Amino acid sequence: MASRKPTLRTELAQYNQSLDARLRGRYGMTLKLFKLVKALTQLAGAAGGVYAMSLGAPPLATFAMMTVIIAGPEGLEYLIEQGGGA
């Protein structure tokens, strides 16, 4: 008998539960708070980049800054999930 492949919904629920457990154990924060901080950081990075370009900042430097600010929380989430991070 073939085993059933887990659905995307199941995989996401397992991932979120695992990340929530790591965040609570290591940093004392919930998954919802982490996702809120992550979203606000990314939104502020994008808005800051748009504002900087409206003031005449070089586009390449601005896009590089926006990439670092937007991708930073994603990298941090990856490190936390893999068991690393500070």
PDB file of N, CA and C in Angstrom:
ATOM      1  N   MET A   1       0.835  -1.168   0.000  1.00  0.00           N
ATOM      2  CA  MET A   1       0.000   0.000   0.000  1.00  0.00           C
ATOM      3  C   MET A   1       0.889   1.244   0.000  1.00  0.00           C
ATOM      4  N   ALA A   2       0.623   2.179  -0.875  1.00  0.00           N
ATOM      5  CA  ALA A   2       1.426   3.394  -0.993  1.00  0.00           C
ATOM      6  C   ALA A   2       1.025   4.398   0.085  1.00  0.00           C
ATOM      7  N   SER A   3       2.026   5.057   0.601  1.00  0.00           N
ATOM      8  CA  SER A   3       1.722   6.089   1.602  1.00  0.00           C
ATOM      9  C   SER A   3       1.269   7.355   0.894  1.00  0.00           C
ATOM     10  N   ARG A   4       0.411   8.115   1.548  1.00  0.00           N
ATOM     11  CA  ARG A   4      -0.117   9.333   0.947  1.00  0.00           C
ATOM     12  C   ARG A   4       0.883  10.467   1.138  1.00  0.00           C
ATOM     13  N   LYS A   5       1.028  11.239   0.112  1.00  0.00           N
ATOM     14  CA  LYS A   5       1.889  12.408   0.180  1.00  0.00           C
ATOM     15  C   LYS A   5       1.147  13.506   0.943  1.00  0.00           C
ATOM     16  N   PRO A   6       1.837  14.165   1.909  1.00  0.00           N
ATOM     17  CA  PRO A   6       1.128  15.210   2.665  1.00  0.00           C
ATOM     18  C   PRO A   6       0.751  16.382   1.767  1.00  0.00           C
ATOM     19  N   THR A   7      -0.360  17.003   2.086  1.00  0.00           N
ATOM     20  CA  THR A   7      -0.824  18.144   1.304  1.00  0.00           C
ATOM     21  C   THR A   7      -0.016  19.386   1.674  1.00  0.00           C
ATOM     22  N   LEU A   8      -0.101  20.393   0.848  1.00  0.00           N
ATOM     23  CA  LEU A   8       0.593  21.649   1.112  1.00  0.00           C
ATOM     24  C   LEU A   8       0.111  22.255   2.423  1.00  0.00           C
ATOM     25  N   ARG A   9      -1.178  22.179   2.668  1.00  0.00           N
ATOM     26  CA  ARG A   9      -1.748  22.720   3.916  1.00  0.00           C
ATOM     27  C   ARG A   9      -1.122  22.032   5.132  1.00  0.00           C
ATOM     28  N   THR A  10      -0.971  20.712   5.060  1.00  0.00           N
ATOM     29  CA  THR A  10      -0.377  19.961   6.158  1.00  0.00           C
ATOM     30  C   THR A  10       1.091  20.330   6.348  1.00  0.00           C
ATOM     31  N   GLU A  11       1.817  20.443   5.241  1.00  0.00           N
ATOM     32  CA  GLU A  11       3.234  20.807   5.324  1.00  0.00           C
ATOM     33  C   GLU A  11       3.415  22.198   5.919  1.00  0.00           C
ATOM     34  N   LEU A  12       2.575  23.152   5.511  1.00  0.00           N
ATOM     35  CA  LEU A  12       2.667  24.504   6.051  1.00  0.00           C
ATOM     36  C   LEU A  12       2.323  24.539   7.538  1.00  0.00           C
ATOM     37  N   ALA A  13       1.328  23.777   7.937  1.00  0.00           N
ATOM     38  CA  ALA A  13       0.957  23.722   9.354  1.00  0.00           C
ATOM     39  C   ALA A  13       2.097  23.145  10.185  1.00  0.00           C
ATOM     40  N   GLN A  14       2.741  22.096   9.693  1.00  0.00           N
ATOM     41  CA  GLN A  14       3.873  21.500  10.405  1.00  0.00           C
ATOM     42  C   GLN A  14       5.041  22.477  10.494  1.00  0.00           C
ATOM     43  N   TYR A  15       5.322  23.180   9.394  1.00  0.00           N
ATOM     44  CA  TYR A  15       6.404  24.157   9.384  1.00  0.00           C
ATOM     45  C   TYR A  15       6.126  25.274  10.384  1.00  0.00           C
ATOM     46  N   ASN A  16       4.899  25.804  10.374  1.00  0.00           N
ATOM     47  CA  ASN A  16       4.549  26.885  11.292  1.00  0.00           C
ATOM     48  C   ASN A  16       4.607  26.431  12.741  1.00  0.00           C
ATOM     49  N   GLN A  17       4.167  25.218  13.035  1.00  0.00           N
ATOM     50  CA  GLN A  17       4.239  24.694  14.404  1.00  0.00           C
ATOM     51  C   GLN A  17       5.687  24.548  14.852  1.00  0.00           C
ATOM     52  N   SER A  18       6.533  24.065  13.973  1.00  0.00           N
ATOM     53  CA  SER A  18       7.945  23.903  14.295  1.00  0.00           C
ATOM     54  C   SER A  18       8.611  25.253  14.540  1.00  0.00           C
ATOM     55  N   LEU A  19       8.345  26.215  13.660  1.00  0.00           N
ATOM     56  CA  LEU A  19       8.930  27.548  13.811  1.00  0.00           C
ATOM     57  C   LEU A  19       8.406  28.216  15.078  1.00  0.00           C
ATOM     58  N   ASP A  20       7.118  28.064  15.377  1.00  0.00           N
ATOM     59  CA  ASP A  20       6.543  28.642  16.588  1.00  0.00           C
ATOM     60  C   ASP A  20       7.210  28.059  17.832  1.00  0.00           C
ATOM     61  N   ALA A  21       7.434  26.768  17.847  1.00  0.00           N
ATOM     62  CA  ALA A  21       8.078  26.129  18.998  1.00  0.00           C
ATOM     63  C   ALA A  21       9.507  26.648  19.182  1.00  0.00           C
ATOM     64  N   ARG A  22      10.245  26.802  18.088  1.00  0.00           N
ATOM     65  CA  ARG A  22      11.614  27.329  18.183  1.00  0.00           C
ATOM     66  C   ARG A  22      11.622  28.768  18.662  1.00  0.00           C
ATOM     67  N   LEU A  23      10.713  29.586  18.133  1.00  0.00           N
ATOM     68  CA  LEU A  23      10.648  30.992  18.535  1.00  0.00           C
ATOM     69  C   LEU A  23      10.281  31.135  20.007  1.00  0.00           C
ATOM     70  N   ARG A  24       9.314  30.345  20.468  1.00  0.00           N
ATOM     71  CA  ARG A  24       8.908  30.416  21.872  1.00  0.00           C
ATOM     72  C   ARG A  24      10.026  29.933  22.784  1.00  0.00           C
ATOM     73  N   GLY A  25      10.682  28.858  22.400  1.00  0.00           N
ATOM     74  CA  GLY A  25      11.732  28.286  23.239  1.00  0.00           C
ATOM     75  C   GLY A  25      12.987  29.130  23.304  1.00  0.00           C
ATOM     76  N   ARG A  26      13.385  29.688  22.180  1.00  0.00           N
ATOM     77  CA  ARG A  26      14.661  30.400  22.130  1.00  0.00           C
ATOM     78  C   ARG A  26      14.520  31.897  22.388  1.00  0.00           C
ATOM     79  N   TYR A  27      13.472  32.524  21.845  1.00  0.00           N
ATOM     80  CA  TYR A  27      13.366  33.977  21.911  1.00  0.00           C
ATOM     81  C   TYR A  27      12.170  34.468  22.718  1.00  0.00           C
ATOM     82  N   GLY A  28      11.282  33.586  23.123  1.00  0.00           N
ATOM     83  CA  GLY A  28      10.122  33.984  23.906  1.00  0.00           C
ATOM     84  C   GLY A  28       9.101  34.791  23.114  1.00  0.00           C
ATOM     85  N   MET A  29       9.021  34.566  21.824  1.00  0.00           N
ATOM     86  CA  MET A  29       8.027  35.272  21.007  1.00  0.00           C
ATOM     87  C   MET A  29       7.206  34.262  20.222  1.00  0.00           C
ATOM     88  N   THR A  30       5.996  34.661  19.911  1.00  0.00           N
ATOM     89  CA  THR A  30       5.112  33.772  19.167  1.00  0.00           C
ATOM     90  C   THR A  30       5.360  33.920  17.668  1.00  0.00           C
ATOM     91  N   LEU A  31       4.836  32.978  16.923  1.00  0.00           N
ATOM     92  CA  LEU A  31       4.949  33.024  15.471  1.00  0.00           C
ATOM     93  C   LEU A  31       4.221  34.241  14.912  1.00  0.00           C
ATOM     94  N   LYS A  32       3.060  34.574  15.480  1.00  0.00           N
ATOM     95  CA  LYS A  32       2.306  35.731  15.000  1.00  0.00           C
ATOM     96  C   LYS A  32       3.096  37.018  15.187  1.00  0.00           C
ATOM     97  N   LEU A  33       3.755  37.174  16.345  1.00  0.00           N
ATOM     98  CA  LEU A  33       4.555  38.371  16.577  1.00  0.00           C
ATOM     99  C   LEU A  33       5.739  38.418  15.612  1.00  0.00           C
ATOM    100  N   PHE A  34       6.392  37.285  15.387  1.00  0.00           N
ATOM    101  CA  PHE A  34       7.514  37.240  14.457  1.00  0.00           C
ATOM    102  C   PHE A  34       7.062  37.633  13.055  1.00  0.00           C
ATOM    103  N   LYS A  35       5.941  37.094  12.620  1.00  0.00           N
ATOM    104  CA  LYS A  35       5.450  37.421  11.274  1.00  0.00           C
ATOM    105  C   LYS A  35       5.042  38.888  11.168  1.00  0.00           C
ATOM    106  N   LEU A  36       4.512  39.459  12.257  1.00  0.00           N
ATOM    107  CA  LEU A  36       4.161  40.874  12.260  1.00  0.00           C
ATOM    108  C   LEU A  36       5.413  41.737  12.142  1.00  0.00           C
ATOM    109  N   VAL A  37       6.431  41.430  12.933  1.00  0.00           N
ATOM    110  CA  VAL A  37       7.688  42.191  12.874  1.00  0.00           C
ATOM    111  C   VAL A  37       8.333  42.037  11.499  1.00  0.00           C
ATOM    112  N   LYS A  38       8.292  40.833  10.967  1.00  0.00           N
ATOM    113  CA  LYS A  38       8.860  40.564   9.637  1.00  0.00           C
ATOM    114  C   LYS A  38       8.137  41.386   8.566  1.00  0.00           C
ATOM    115  N   ALA A  39       6.819  41.391   8.595  1.00  0.00           N
ATOM    116  CA  ALA A  39       6.051  42.132   7.594  1.00  0.00           C
ATOM    117  C   ALA A  39       6.280  43.637   7.719  1.00  0.00           C
ATOM    118  N   LEU A  40       6.323  44.152   8.946  1.00  0.00           N
ATOM    119  CA  LEU A  40       6.550  45.585   9.135  1.00  0.00           C
ATOM    120  C   LEU A  40       7.950  45.998   8.685  1.00  0.00           C
ATOM    121  N   THR A  41       8.938  45.157   8.946  1.00  0.00           N
ATOM    122  CA  THR A  41      10.303  45.441   8.495  1.00  0.00           C
ATOM    123  C   THR A  41      10.368  45.483   6.973  1.00  0.00           C
ATOM    124  N   GLN A  42       9.746  44.516   6.339  1.00  0.00           N
ATOM    125  CA  GLN A  42       9.767  44.474   4.880  1.00  0.00           C
ATOM    126  C   GLN A  42       8.997  45.652   4.286  1.00  0.00           C
ATOM    127  N   LEU A  43       7.880  46.009   4.882  1.00  0.00           N
ATOM    128  CA  LEU A  43       7.102  47.150   4.407  1.00  0.00           C
ATOM    129  C   LEU A  43       7.888  48.448   4.577  1.00  0.00           C
ATOM    130  N   ALA A  44       8.543  48.607   5.722  1.00  0.00           N
ATOM    131  CA  ALA A  44       9.344  49.809   5.958  1.00  0.00           C
ATOM    132  C   ALA A  44      10.521  49.877   4.987  1.00  0.00           C
ATOM    133  N   GLY A  45      11.128  48.740   4.672  1.00  0.00           N
ATOM    134  CA  GLY A  45      12.232  48.720   3.711  1.00  0.00           C
ATOM    135  C   GLY A  45      11.791  49.134   2.325  1.00  0.00           C
ATOM    136  N   ALA A  46      10.651  48.623   1.902  1.00  0.00           N
ATOM    137  CA  ALA A  46      10.142  48.983   0.582  1.00  0.00           C
ATOM    138  C   ALA A  46       9.735  50.457   0.541  1.00  0.00           C
ATOM    139  N   ALA A  47       9.042  50.918   1.575  1.00  0.00           N
ATOM    140  CA  ALA A  47       8.621  52.323   1.613  1.00  0.00           C
ATOM    141  C   ALA A  47       9.823  53.252   1.691  1.00  0.00           C
ATOM    142  N   GLY A  48      10.825  52.867   2.473  1.00  0.00           N
ATOM    143  CA  GLY A  48      12.038  53.680   2.569  1.00  0.00           C
ATOM    144  C   GLY A  48      12.770  53.774   1.245  1.00  0.00           C
ATOM    145  N   GLY A  49      12.798  52.686   0.511  1.00  0.00           N
ATOM    146  CA  GLY A  49      13.440  52.695  -0.797  1.00  0.00           C
ATOM    147  C   GLY A  49      12.723  53.586  -1.787  1.00  0.00           C
ATOM    148  N   VAL A  50      11.411  53.512  -1.795  1.00  0.00           N
ATOM    149  CA  VAL A  50      10.623  54.362  -2.692  1.00  0.00           C
ATOM    150  C   VAL A  50      10.820  55.827  -2.322  1.00  0.00           C
ATOM    151  N   TYR A  51      10.813  56.119  -1.035  1.00  0.00           N
ATOM    152  CA  TYR A  51      11.010  57.490  -0.575  1.00  0.00           C
ATOM    153  C   TYR A  51      12.414  57.988  -0.938  1.00  0.00           C
ATOM    154  N   ALA A  52      13.419  57.146  -0.765  1.00  0.00           N
ATOM    155  CA  ALA A  52      14.791  57.535  -1.106  1.00  0.00           C
ATOM    156  C   ALA A  52      14.918  57.839  -2.596  1.00  0.00           C
ATOM    157  N   MET A  53      14.269  57.034  -3.429  1.00  0.00           N
ATOM    158  CA  MET A  53      14.332  57.296  -4.869  1.00  0.00           C
ATOM    159  C   MET A  53      13.588  58.571  -5.227  1.00  0.00           C
ATOM    160  N   SER A  54      12.520  58.877  -4.507  1.00  0.00           N
ATOM    161  CA  SER A  54      11.802  60.117  -4.791  1.00  0.00           C
ATOM    162  C   SER A  54      12.637  61.341  -4.416  1.00  0.00           C
ATOM    163  N   LEU A  55      13.604  61.141  -3.507  1.00  0.00           N
ATOM    164  CA  LEU A  55      14.510  62.230  -3.131  1.00  0.00           C
ATOM    165  C   LEU A  55      15.753  62.291  -4.020  1.00  0.00           C
ATOM    166  N   GLY A  56      15.857  61.362  -4.973  1.00  0.00           N
ATOM    167  CA  GLY A  56      16.951  61.388  -5.924  1.00  0.00           C
ATOM    168  C   GLY A  56      18.088  60.421  -5.639  1.00  0.00           C
ATOM    169  N   ALA A  57      17.885  59.448  -4.780  1.00  0.00           N
ATOM    170  CA  ALA A  57      18.925  58.455  -4.491  1.00  0.00           C
ATOM    171  C   ALA A  57      19.177  57.606  -5.733  1.00  0.00           C
ATOM    172  N   PRO A  58      20.410  57.137  -5.904  1.00  0.00           N
ATOM    173  CA  PRO A  58      20.714  56.281  -7.060  1.00  0.00           C
ATOM    174  C   PRO A  58      19.867  54.995  -7.023  1.00  0.00           C
ATOM    175  N   PRO A  59      19.205  54.659  -8.122  1.00  0.00           N
ATOM    176  CA  PRO A  59      18.310  53.491  -8.133  1.00  0.00           C
ATOM    177  C   PRO A  59      19.000  52.176  -7.785  1.00  0.00           C
ATOM    178  N   LEU A  60      20.210  51.947  -8.286  1.00  0.00           N
ATOM    179  CA  LEU A  60      20.880  50.675  -8.013  1.00  0.00           C
ATOM    180  C   LEU A  60      21.174  50.530  -6.522  1.00  0.00           C
ATOM    181  N   ALA A  61      21.674  51.583  -5.902  1.00  0.00           N
ATOM    182  CA  ALA A  61      21.955  51.536  -4.464  1.00  0.00           C
ATOM    183  C   ALA A  61      20.662  51.372  -3.666  1.00  0.00           C
ATOM    184  N   THR A  62      19.617  52.024  -4.111  1.00  0.00           N
ATOM    185  CA  THR A  62      18.333  51.938  -3.417  1.00  0.00           C
ATOM    186  C   THR A  62      17.762  50.531  -3.517  1.00  0.00           C
ATOM    187  N   PHE A  63      17.813  49.940  -4.699  1.00  0.00           N
ATOM    188  CA  PHE A  63      17.307  48.580  -4.851  1.00  0.00           C
ATOM    189  C   PHE A  63      18.145  47.584  -4.060  1.00  0.00           C
ATOM    190  N   ALA A  64      19.452  47.809  -3.985  1.00  0.00           N
ATOM    191  CA  ALA A  64      20.311  46.933  -3.179  1.00  0.00           C
ATOM    192  C   ALA A  64      19.920  47.028  -1.700  1.00  0.00           C
ATOM    193  N   MET A  65      19.702  48.256  -1.217  1.00  0.00           N
ATOM    194  CA  MET A  65      19.294  48.445   0.171  1.00  0.00           C
ATOM    195  C   MET A  65      17.940  47.785   0.431  1.00  0.00           C
ATOM    196  N   MET A  66      17.004  47.964  -0.490  1.00  0.00           N
ATOM    197  CA  MET A  66      15.681  47.372  -0.329  1.00  0.00           C
ATOM    198  C   MET A  66      15.771  45.844  -0.322  1.00  0.00           C
ATOM    199  N   THR A  67      16.624  45.291  -1.157  1.00  0.00           N
ATOM    200  CA  THR A  67      16.787  43.834  -1.210  1.00  0.00           C
ATOM    201  C   THR A  67      17.297  43.299   0.111  1.00  0.00           C
ATOM    202  N   VAL A  68      18.288  43.973   0.686  1.00  0.00           N
ATOM    203  CA  VAL A  68      18.844  43.524   1.968  1.00  0.00           C
ATOM    204  C   VAL A  68      17.794  43.616   3.069  1.00  0.00           C
ATOM    205  N   ILE A  69      17.062  44.725   3.115  1.00  0.00           N
ATOM    206  CA  ILE A  69      16.056  44.906   4.168  1.00  0.00           C
ATOM    207  C   ILE A  69      14.902  43.921   4.003  1.00  0.00           C
ATOM    208  N   ILE A  70      14.474  43.683   2.787  1.00  0.00           N
ATOM    209  CA  ILE A  70      13.346  42.777   2.563  1.00  0.00           C
ATOM    210  C   ILE A  70      13.767  41.317   2.733  1.00  0.00           C
ATOM    211  N   ALA A  71      14.967  40.958   2.297  1.00  0.00           N
ATOM    212  CA  ALA A  71      15.416  39.568   2.385  1.00  0.00           C
ATOM    213  C   ALA A  71      15.973  39.214   3.765  1.00  0.00           C
ATOM    214  N   GLY A  72      16.342  40.207   4.554  1.00  0.00           N
ATOM    215  CA  GLY A  72      16.918  39.949   5.875  1.00  0.00           C
ATOM    216  C   GLY A  72      16.044  39.090   6.770  1.00  0.00           C
ATOM    217  N   PRO A  73      14.782  39.454   6.967  1.00  0.00           N
ATOM    218  CA  PRO A  73      13.925  38.618   7.813  1.00  0.00           C
ATOM    219  C   PRO A  73      13.709  37.209   7.263  1.00  0.00           C
ATOM    220  N   GLU A  74      13.726  37.071   5.945  1.00  0.00           N
ATOM    221  CA  GLU A  74      13.594  35.731   5.362  1.00  0.00           C
ATOM    222  C   GLU A  74      14.799  34.866   5.719  1.00  0.00           C
ATOM    223  N   GLY A  75      15.980  35.456   5.649  1.00  0.00           N
ATOM    224  CA  GLY A  75      17.195  34.735   6.029  1.00  0.00           C
ATOM    225  C   GLY A  75      17.202  34.390   7.503  1.00  0.00           C
ATOM    226  N   LEU A  76      16.737  35.308   8.327  1.00  0.00           N
ATOM    227  CA  LEU A  76      16.659  35.057   9.761  1.00  0.00           C
ATOM    228  C   LEU A  76      15.695  33.908  10.050  1.00  0.00           C
ATOM    229  N   GLU A  77      14.568  33.882   9.371  1.00  0.00           N
ATOM    230  CA  GLU A  77      13.611  32.785   9.545  1.00  0.00           C
ATOM    231  C   GLU A  77      14.241  31.450   9.153  1.00  0.00           C
ATOM    232  N   TYR A  78      14.998  31.452   8.074  1.00  0.00           N
ATOM    233  CA  TYR A  78      15.668  30.220   7.638  1.00  0.00           C
ATOM    234  C   TYR A  78      16.651  29.744   8.699  1.00  0.00           C
ATOM    235  N   LEU A  79      17.445  30.673   9.238  1.00  0.00           N
ATOM    236  CA  LEU A  79      18.422  30.303  10.267  1.00  0.00           C
ATOM    237  C   LEU A  79      17.740  29.768  11.525  1.00  0.00           C
ATOM    238  N   ILE A  80      16.652  30.391  11.928  1.00  0.00           N
ATOM    239  CA  ILE A  80      15.930  29.930  13.117  1.00  0.00           C
ATOM    240  C   ILE A  80      15.379  28.528  12.883  1.00  0.00           C
ATOM    241  N   GLU A  81      14.799  28.304  11.715  1.00  0.00           N
ATOM    242  CA  GLU A  81      14.209  27.012  11.418  1.00  0.00           C
ATOM    243  C   GLU A  81      15.269  25.911  11.349  1.00  0.00           C
ATOM    244  N   GLN A  82      16.457  26.237  10.882  1.00  0.00           N
ATOM    245  CA  GLN A  82      17.519  25.254  10.774  1.00  0.00           C
ATOM    246  C   GLN A  82      18.218  25.003  12.116  1.00  0.00           C
ATOM    247  N   GLY A  83      17.836  25.745  13.135  1.00  0.00           N
ATOM    248  CA  GLY A  83      18.423  25.531  14.444  1.00  0.00           C
ATOM    249  C   GLY A  83      19.565  26.463  14.758  1.00  0.00           C
ATOM    250  N   GLY A  84      19.910  27.349  13.832  1.00  0.00           N
ATOM    251  CA  GLY A  84      20.989  28.302  14.068  1.00  0.00           C
ATOM    252  C   GLY A  84      20.438  29.586  14.629  1.00  0.00           C
ATOM    253  N   GLY A  85      21.082  30.663  14.330  1.00  0.00           N
ATOM    254  CA  GLY A  85      20.643  31.969  14.813  1.00  0.00           C
ATOM    255  C   GLY A  85      21.204  32.259  16.181  1.00  0.00           C
ATOM    256  N   ALA A  86      21.219  33.527  16.521  1.00  0.00           N
ATOM    257  CA  ALA A  86      21.815  33.948  17.798  1.00  0.00           C
ATOM    258  C   ALA A  86      20.940  33.598  18.968  1.00  0.00           C
TER     259      ALA A  86
END
